[in-house]
Amino acid sequence: MNNQDKYKEPEYDMQEMDHRHVAMIGTFLKSRPFKSVMEIGCWKGRCTSVILNAHHFKKVNSVTLCDVAIKPEIREMTKGIRHCNTLEMTGKEALQGAEPYIYDVVILDNGHSLDVSREEWIELARHKPEVLILHDVTAPAAGYENCEGPGWMLEEIRRAGYSVVIDNEKRENERTHRGLAFCCRTLELLELAKEAINSHL
């Protein structure tokens, strides 16, 4: 893999259940500069690729990737990239070890159980990132069991004062009805999130 391949956004893949949602995240991250982005759950590397793309174009200054098992493909993708850190641990552990308020944006796409989400929310509430992006917030309503964590966390995020916009439209050959939520602390960021969603409808 050459250096340019590392920064390319992924090709459209109808088998990838949330490719359109990944594209929305990529557009959002390039909508304005962000100091620090953390991805919790980088196992497949789809979202990682758009984060690194935004980093390459100097829209994201530093990147932290966290997963309980960092795949060799992710290590190769991030090899030699400055200000990119990989943490092989749970999201709870990674957040516990970080300074408060360090992350502008935290993207969550890892274990979706209620227990995992409760543990992570304790730490996220302490960090108060400007933006939280959650995959699969409507997964139980879409027929996916054992995914109640993101929906539960979404309600806690709303109670904490974040404004929320969600895309969960049912589309043929996609699983976007599982839901993607952008949770923002300012109206400016919320408008950017809406624009990112609308650009990939």
C-alpha atoms as a PDB file:
ATOM      1  CA  MET A   1       0.000   0.000   0.000  1.00  0.00           C
ATOM      2  CA  ASN A   2       1.464   3.379  -0.968  1.00  0.00           C
ATOM      3  CA  ASN A   3       1.023   6.536   1.088  1.00  0.00           C
ATOM      4  CA  GLN A   4      -1.713   7.939  -1.122  1.00  0.00           C
ATOM      5  CA  ASP A   5      -3.827   4.790  -0.680  1.00  0.00           C
ATOM      6  CA  LYS A   6      -3.812   5.323   3.077  1.00  0.00           C
ATOM      7  CA  TYR A   7      -5.746   8.549   2.731  1.00  0.00           C
ATOM      8  CA  LYS A   8      -8.295   7.541   0.113  1.00  0.00           C
ATOM      9  CA  GLU A   9     -11.903   7.365   1.185  1.00  0.00           C
ATOM     10  CA  PRO A  10     -13.347   3.856   0.787  1.00  0.00           C
ATOM     11  CA  GLU A  11     -15.053   2.848  -2.443  1.00  0.00           C
ATOM     12  CA  TYR A  12     -18.810   2.453  -2.276  1.00  0.00           C
ATOM     13  CA  ASP A  13     -19.719  -1.074  -1.194  1.00  0.00           C
ATOM     14  CA  MET A  14     -23.373  -2.159  -1.075  1.00  0.00           C
ATOM     15  CA  GLN A  15     -22.448  -4.968   1.306  1.00  0.00           C
ATOM     16  CA  GLU A  16     -21.111  -2.518   3.871  1.00  0.00           C
ATOM     17  CA  MET A  17     -24.081  -1.895   6.121  1.00  0.00           C
ATOM     18  CA  ASP A  18     -23.341   1.738   6.930  1.00  0.00           C
ATOM     19  CA  HIS A  19     -21.165   3.006   4.080  1.00  0.00           C
ATOM     20  CA  ARG A  20     -23.425   6.013   3.505  1.00  0.00           C
ATOM     21  CA  HIS A  21     -23.146   6.850   7.199  1.00  0.00           C
ATOM     22  CA  VAL A  22     -19.372   6.636   7.002  1.00  0.00           C
ATOM     23  CA  ALA A  23     -19.506   9.094   4.090  1.00  0.00           C
ATOM     24  CA  MET A  24     -21.609  11.475   6.206  1.00  0.00           C
ATOM     25  CA  ILE A  25     -18.998  11.341   8.959  1.00  0.00           C
ATOM     26  CA  GLY A  26     -16.223  12.035   6.470  1.00  0.00           C
ATOM     27  CA  THR A  27     -18.059  15.069   5.081  1.00  0.00           C
ATOM     28  CA  PHE A  28     -18.718  16.368   8.591  1.00  0.00           C
ATOM     29  CA  LEU A  29     -15.061  16.035   9.640  1.00  0.00           C
ATOM     30  CA  LYS A  30     -13.981  18.066   6.617  1.00  0.00           C
ATOM     31  CA  SER A  31     -16.568  20.800   7.201  1.00  0.00           C
ATOM     32  CA  ARG A  32     -14.306  22.740   9.599  1.00  0.00           C
ATOM     33  CA  PRO A  33     -11.039  22.184  11.503  1.00  0.00           C
ATOM     34  CA  PHE A  34     -11.127  19.871  14.533  1.00  0.00           C
ATOM     35  CA  LYS A  35      -8.381  19.606  17.113  1.00  0.00           C
ATOM     36  CA  SER A  36      -8.698  15.973  18.138  1.00  0.00           C
ATOM     37  CA  VAL A  37     -10.895  13.063  17.013  1.00  0.00           C
ATOM     38  CA  MET A  38     -11.252   9.722  18.792  1.00  0.00           C
ATOM     39  CA  GLU A  39     -12.795   6.613  17.252  1.00  0.00           C
ATOM     40  CA  ILE A  40     -13.871   3.899  19.679  1.00  0.00           C
ATOM     41  CA  GLY A  41     -14.311   0.682  17.733  1.00  0.00           C
ATOM     42  CA  CYS A  42     -12.055   0.826  14.664  1.00  0.00           C
ATOM     43  CA  TRP A  43     -12.156  -2.898  13.894  1.00  0.00           C
ATOM     44  CA  LYS A  44     -13.305  -2.718  10.238  1.00  0.00           C
ATOM     45  CA  GLY A  45     -11.418   0.467   9.423  1.00  0.00           C
ATOM     46  CA  ARG A  46     -14.177   1.961   7.276  1.00  0.00           C
ATOM     47  CA  CYS A  47     -14.706   5.019   9.448  1.00  0.00           C
ATOM     48  CA  THR A  48     -10.979   5.132  10.211  1.00  0.00           C
ATOM     49  CA  SER A  49     -10.266   5.764   6.539  1.00  0.00           C
ATOM     50  CA  VAL A  50     -12.424   8.905   6.397  1.00  0.00           C
ATOM     51  CA  ILE A  51     -10.938  10.185   9.667  1.00  0.00           C
ATOM     52  CA  LEU A  52      -7.436   9.771   8.226  1.00  0.00           C
ATOM     53  CA  ASN A  53      -8.611  11.425   5.023  1.00  0.00           C
ATOM     54  CA  ALA A  54      -9.710  14.500   7.008  1.00  0.00           C
ATOM     55  CA  HIS A  55      -6.420  14.385   8.926  1.00  0.00           C
ATOM     56  CA  HIS A  56      -4.447  14.236   5.673  1.00  0.00           C
ATOM     57  CA  PHE A  57      -6.208  17.363   4.424  1.00  0.00           C
ATOM     58  CA  LYS A  58      -5.456  19.124   7.738  1.00  0.00           C
ATOM     59  CA  LYS A  59      -9.059  19.253   8.926  1.00  0.00           C
ATOM     60  CA  VAL A  60      -8.272  17.023  11.909  1.00  0.00           C
ATOM     61  CA  ASN A  61      -5.084  17.725  13.839  1.00  0.00           C
ATOM     62  CA  SER A  62      -4.762  14.508  15.866  1.00  0.00           C
ATOM     63  CA  VAL A  63      -6.426  11.092  15.759  1.00  0.00           C
ATOM     64  CA  THR A  64      -6.815   8.434  18.457  1.00  0.00           C
ATOM     65  CA  LEU A  65      -8.073   4.979  17.444  1.00  0.00           C
ATOM     66  CA  CYS A  66      -9.250   2.562  20.091  1.00  0.00           C
ATOM     67  CA  ASP A  67     -10.284  -1.079  19.896  1.00  0.00           C
ATOM     68  CA  VAL A  68      -9.803  -4.154  22.063  1.00  0.00           C
ATOM     69  CA  ALA A  69      -8.096  -5.781  19.063  1.00  0.00           C
ATOM     70  CA  ILE A  70      -6.283  -3.544  16.569  1.00  0.00           C
ATOM     71  CA  LYS A  71      -6.139  -5.410  13.247  1.00  0.00           C
ATOM     72  CA  PRO A  72      -2.904  -5.463  11.213  1.00  0.00           C
ATOM     73  CA  GLU A  73      -4.733  -3.613   8.434  1.00  0.00           C
ATOM     74  CA  ILE A  74      -5.391  -0.698  10.793  1.00  0.00           C
ATOM     75  CA  ARG A  75      -1.772  -0.632  11.952  1.00  0.00           C
ATOM     76  CA  GLU A  76      -0.643  -0.586   8.327  1.00  0.00           C
ATOM     77  CA  MET A  77      -3.142   2.150   7.479  1.00  0.00           C
ATOM     78  CA  THR A  78      -1.830   4.373  10.273  1.00  0.00           C
ATOM     79  CA  LYS A  79       1.863   3.534   9.930  1.00  0.00           C
ATOM     80  CA  GLY A  80       4.041   6.646   9.751  1.00  0.00           C
ATOM     81  CA  ILE A  81       1.148   9.096  10.206  1.00  0.00           C
ATOM     82  CA  ARG A  82       2.023  11.879  12.629  1.00  0.00           C
ATOM     83  CA  HIS A  83      -0.372  12.677  15.457  1.00  0.00           C
ATOM     84  CA  CYS A  84      -2.156   9.332  15.101  1.00  0.00           C
ATOM     85  CA  ASN A  85      -2.298   7.074  18.142  1.00  0.00           C
ATOM     86  CA  THR A  86      -3.693   3.524  18.410  1.00  0.00           C
ATOM     87  CA  LEU A  87      -4.868   2.140  21.751  1.00  0.00           C
ATOM     88  CA  GLU A  88      -5.574  -1.576  22.113  1.00  0.00           C
ATOM     89  CA  MET A  89      -8.045  -1.383  24.985  1.00  0.00           C
ATOM     90  CA  THR A  90     -11.707  -0.733  25.738  1.00  0.00           C
ATOM     91  CA  GLY A  91     -13.231   2.685  25.178  1.00  0.00           C
ATOM     92  CA  LYS A  92     -13.747   3.058  28.922  1.00  0.00           C
ATOM     93  CA  GLU A  93     -10.044   2.437  29.585  1.00  0.00           C
ATOM     94  CA  ALA A  94      -8.948   4.800  26.820  1.00  0.00           C
ATOM     95  CA  LEU A  95     -11.177   7.604  28.095  1.00  0.00           C
ATOM     96  CA  GLN A  96     -10.087   7.040  31.693  1.00  0.00           C
ATOM     97  CA  GLY A  97      -6.465   7.507  30.647  1.00  0.00           C
ATOM     98  CA  ALA A  98      -7.072  10.751  28.763  1.00  0.00           C
ATOM     99  CA  GLU A  99      -7.158  14.329  29.968  1.00  0.00           C
ATOM    100  CA  PRO A 100     -10.666  15.830  30.262  1.00  0.00           C
ATOM    101  CA  TYR A 101     -11.893  17.904  27.316  1.00  0.00           C
ATOM    102  CA  ILE A 102      -9.077  16.643  25.055  1.00  0.00           C
ATOM    103  CA  TYR A 103     -11.356  15.339  22.273  1.00  0.00           C
ATOM    104  CA  ASP A 104     -13.467  17.584  20.041  1.00  0.00           C
ATOM    105  CA  VAL A 105     -15.189  14.619  18.411  1.00  0.00           C
ATOM    106  CA  VAL A 106     -15.730  11.050  19.667  1.00  0.00           C
ATOM    107  CA  ILE A 107     -17.134   8.442  17.273  1.00  0.00           C
ATOM    108  CA  LEU A 108     -18.550   5.272  18.834  1.00  0.00           C
ATOM    109  CA  ASP A 109     -19.019   2.020  16.929  1.00  0.00           C
ATOM    110  CA  ASN A 110     -17.929  -0.755  19.262  1.00  0.00           C
ATOM    111  CA  GLY A 111     -19.727  -3.066  21.684  1.00  0.00           C
ATOM    112  CA  HIS A 112     -23.405  -2.103  21.663  1.00  0.00           C
ATOM    113  CA  SER A 113     -24.475  -3.718  24.927  1.00  0.00           C
ATOM    114  CA  LEU A 114     -26.101  -1.657  27.664  1.00  0.00           C
ATOM    115  CA  ASP A 115     -23.240  -2.413  30.075  1.00  0.00           C
ATOM    116  CA  VAL A 116     -20.557  -1.162  27.676  1.00  0.00           C
ATOM    117  CA  SER A 117     -22.518   2.011  26.893  1.00  0.00           C
ATOM    118  CA  ARG A 118     -23.096   2.769  30.573  1.00  0.00           C
ATOM    119  CA  GLU A 119     -19.377   2.443  31.327  1.00  0.00           C
ATOM    120  CA  GLU A 120     -18.416   4.650  28.400  1.00  0.00           C
ATOM    121  CA  TRP A 121     -21.027   7.294  29.153  1.00  0.00           C
ATOM    122  CA  ILE A 122     -19.583   7.866  32.637  1.00  0.00           C
ATOM    123  CA  GLU A 123     -16.285   8.816  31.018  1.00  0.00           C
ATOM    124  CA  LEU A 124     -17.801  10.712  28.081  1.00  0.00           C
ATOM    125  CA  ALA A 125     -19.874  12.837  30.459  1.00  0.00           C
ATOM    126  CA  ARG A 126     -16.604  13.792  32.166  1.00  0.00           C
ATOM    127  CA  HIS A 127     -14.870  14.637  28.888  1.00  0.00           C
ATOM    128  CA  LYS A 128     -17.762  16.604  27.364  1.00  0.00           C
ATOM    129  CA  PRO A 129     -16.647  16.413  23.700  1.00  0.00           C
ATOM    130  CA  GLU A 130     -18.110  19.004  21.347  1.00  0.00           C
ATOM    131  CA  VAL A 131     -19.536  16.243  19.144  1.00  0.00           C
ATOM    132  CA  LEU A 132     -20.504  12.628  19.811  1.00  0.00           C
ATOM    133  CA  ILE A 133     -21.299  10.433  16.805  1.00  0.00           C
ATOM    134  CA  LEU A 134     -23.121   7.168  17.505  1.00  0.00           C
ATOM    135  CA  HIS A 135     -23.752   4.296  15.111  1.00  0.00           C
ATOM    136  CA  ASP A 136     -26.778   1.990  15.486  1.00  0.00           C
ATOM    137  CA  VAL A 137     -28.936   4.191  17.722  1.00  0.00           C
ATOM    138  CA  THR A 138     -32.162   2.721  16.274  1.00  0.00           C
ATOM    139  CA  ALA A 139     -30.884  -0.831  15.782  1.00  0.00           C
ATOM    140  CA  PRO A 140     -33.367  -2.547  18.179  1.00  0.00           C
ATOM    141  CA  ALA A 141     -36.341  -0.956  16.374  1.00  0.00           C
ATOM    142  CA  ALA A 142     -34.789  -2.136  13.096  1.00  0.00           C
ATOM    143  CA  GLY A 143     -34.831  -5.722  14.366  1.00  0.00           C
ATOM    144  CA  TYR A 144     -31.270  -6.065  15.657  1.00  0.00           C
ATOM    145  CA  GLU A 145     -31.155  -7.517  19.160  1.00  0.00           C
ATOM    146  CA  ASN A 146     -28.495  -6.870  21.801  1.00  0.00           C
ATOM    147  CA  CYS A 147     -27.898  -3.337  20.439  1.00  0.00           C
ATOM    148  CA  GLU A 148     -29.716  -1.355  23.115  1.00  0.00           C
ATOM    149  CA  GLY A 149     -26.608   0.511  24.302  1.00  0.00           C
ATOM    150  CA  PRO A 150     -26.376   3.276  21.653  1.00  0.00           C
ATOM    151  CA  GLY A 151     -30.080   4.160  22.002  1.00  0.00           C
ATOM    152  CA  TRP A 152     -29.748   4.310  25.781  1.00  0.00           C
ATOM    153  CA  MET A 153     -26.661   6.525  25.497  1.00  0.00           C
ATOM    154  CA  LEU A 154     -28.440   8.803  23.038  1.00  0.00           C
ATOM    155  CA  GLU A 155     -31.071   9.625  25.668  1.00  0.00           C
ATOM    156  CA  GLU A 156     -28.359  10.378  28.231  1.00  0.00           C
ATOM    157  CA  ILE A 157     -26.622  12.638  25.703  1.00  0.00           C
ATOM    158  CA  ARG A 158     -29.858  14.536  25.096  1.00  0.00           C
ATOM    159  CA  ARG A 159     -30.351  14.968  28.842  1.00  0.00           C
ATOM    160  CA  ALA A 160     -26.824  16.405  29.011  1.00  0.00           C
ATOM    161  CA  GLY A 161     -27.897  19.222  26.679  1.00  0.00           C
ATOM    162  CA  TYR A 162     -26.643  18.070  23.285  1.00  0.00           C
ATOM    163  CA  SER A 163     -28.708  18.769  20.162  1.00  0.00           C
ATOM    164  CA  VAL A 164     -29.198  15.719  17.953  1.00  0.00           C
ATOM    165  CA  VAL A 165     -29.804  14.935  14.293  1.00  0.00           C
ATOM    166  CA  ILE A 166     -30.304  11.331  13.145  1.00  0.00           C
ATOM    167  CA  ASP A 167     -30.323   9.546   9.802  1.00  0.00           C
ATOM    168  CA  ASN A 168     -32.145   6.214  10.017  1.00  0.00           C
ATOM    169  CA  GLU A 169     -33.856   6.044   6.650  1.00  0.00           C
ATOM    170  CA  LYS A 170     -34.535   2.557   5.339  1.00  0.00           C
ATOM    171  CA  ARG A 171     -32.768   2.174   1.980  1.00  0.00           C
ATOM    172  CA  GLU A 172     -32.651  -0.756  -0.402  1.00  0.00           C
ATOM    173  CA  ASN A 173     -29.551  -2.960   0.037  1.00  0.00           C
ATOM    174  CA  GLU A 174     -28.332  -0.829   2.954  1.00  0.00           C
ATOM    175  CA  ARG A 175     -28.727  -0.997   6.703  1.00  0.00           C
ATOM    176  CA  THR A 176     -28.899   2.709   7.395  1.00  0.00           C
ATOM    177  CA  HIS A 177     -32.150   2.128   9.310  1.00  0.00           C
ATOM    178  CA  ARG A 178     -29.877   1.077  12.181  1.00  0.00           C
ATOM    179  CA  GLY A 179     -29.395   4.812  12.688  1.00  0.00           C
ATOM    180  CA  LEU A 180     -26.517   7.296  12.861  1.00  0.00           C
ATOM    181  CA  ALA A 181     -26.729  10.186  15.355  1.00  0.00           C
ATOM    182  CA  PHE A 182     -24.695  13.396  15.414  1.00  0.00           C
ATOM    183  CA  CYS A 183     -24.912  14.899  18.906  1.00  0.00           C
ATOM    184  CA  CYS A 184     -23.615  18.472  19.054  1.00  0.00           C
ATOM    185  CA  ARG A 185     -23.013  20.991  21.840  1.00  0.00           C
ATOM    186  CA  THR A 186     -23.525  24.031  19.571  1.00  0.00           C
ATOM    187  CA  LEU A 187     -26.048  24.959  16.903  1.00  0.00           C
ATOM    188  CA  GLU A 188     -23.210  25.724  14.468  1.00  0.00           C
ATOM    189  CA  LEU A 189     -21.993  22.123  14.707  1.00  0.00           C
ATOM    190  CA  LEU A 190     -25.550  20.805  14.452  1.00  0.00           C
ATOM    191  CA  GLU A 191     -26.053  22.703  11.180  1.00  0.00           C
ATOM    192  CA  LEU A 192     -22.802  21.236   9.815  1.00  0.00           C
ATOM    193  CA  ALA A 193     -24.029  17.764  10.793  1.00  0.00           C
ATOM    194  CA  LYS A 194     -27.348  18.344   9.001  1.00  0.00           C
ATOM    195  CA  GLU A 195     -25.488  19.490   5.884  1.00  0.00           C
ATOM    196  CA  ALA A 196     -23.271  16.382   6.016  1.00  0.00           C
ATOM    197  CA  ILE A 197     -26.329  14.119   6.229  1.00  0.00           C
ATOM    198  CA  ASN A 198     -28.179  15.959   3.454  1.00  0.00           C
ATOM    199  CA  SER A 199     -25.170  15.706   1.122  1.00  0.00           C
ATOM    200  CA  HIS A 200     -25.460  11.883   1.106  1.00  0.00           C
ATOM    201  CA  LEU A 201     -29.209  11.297   0.997  1.00  0.00           C
END
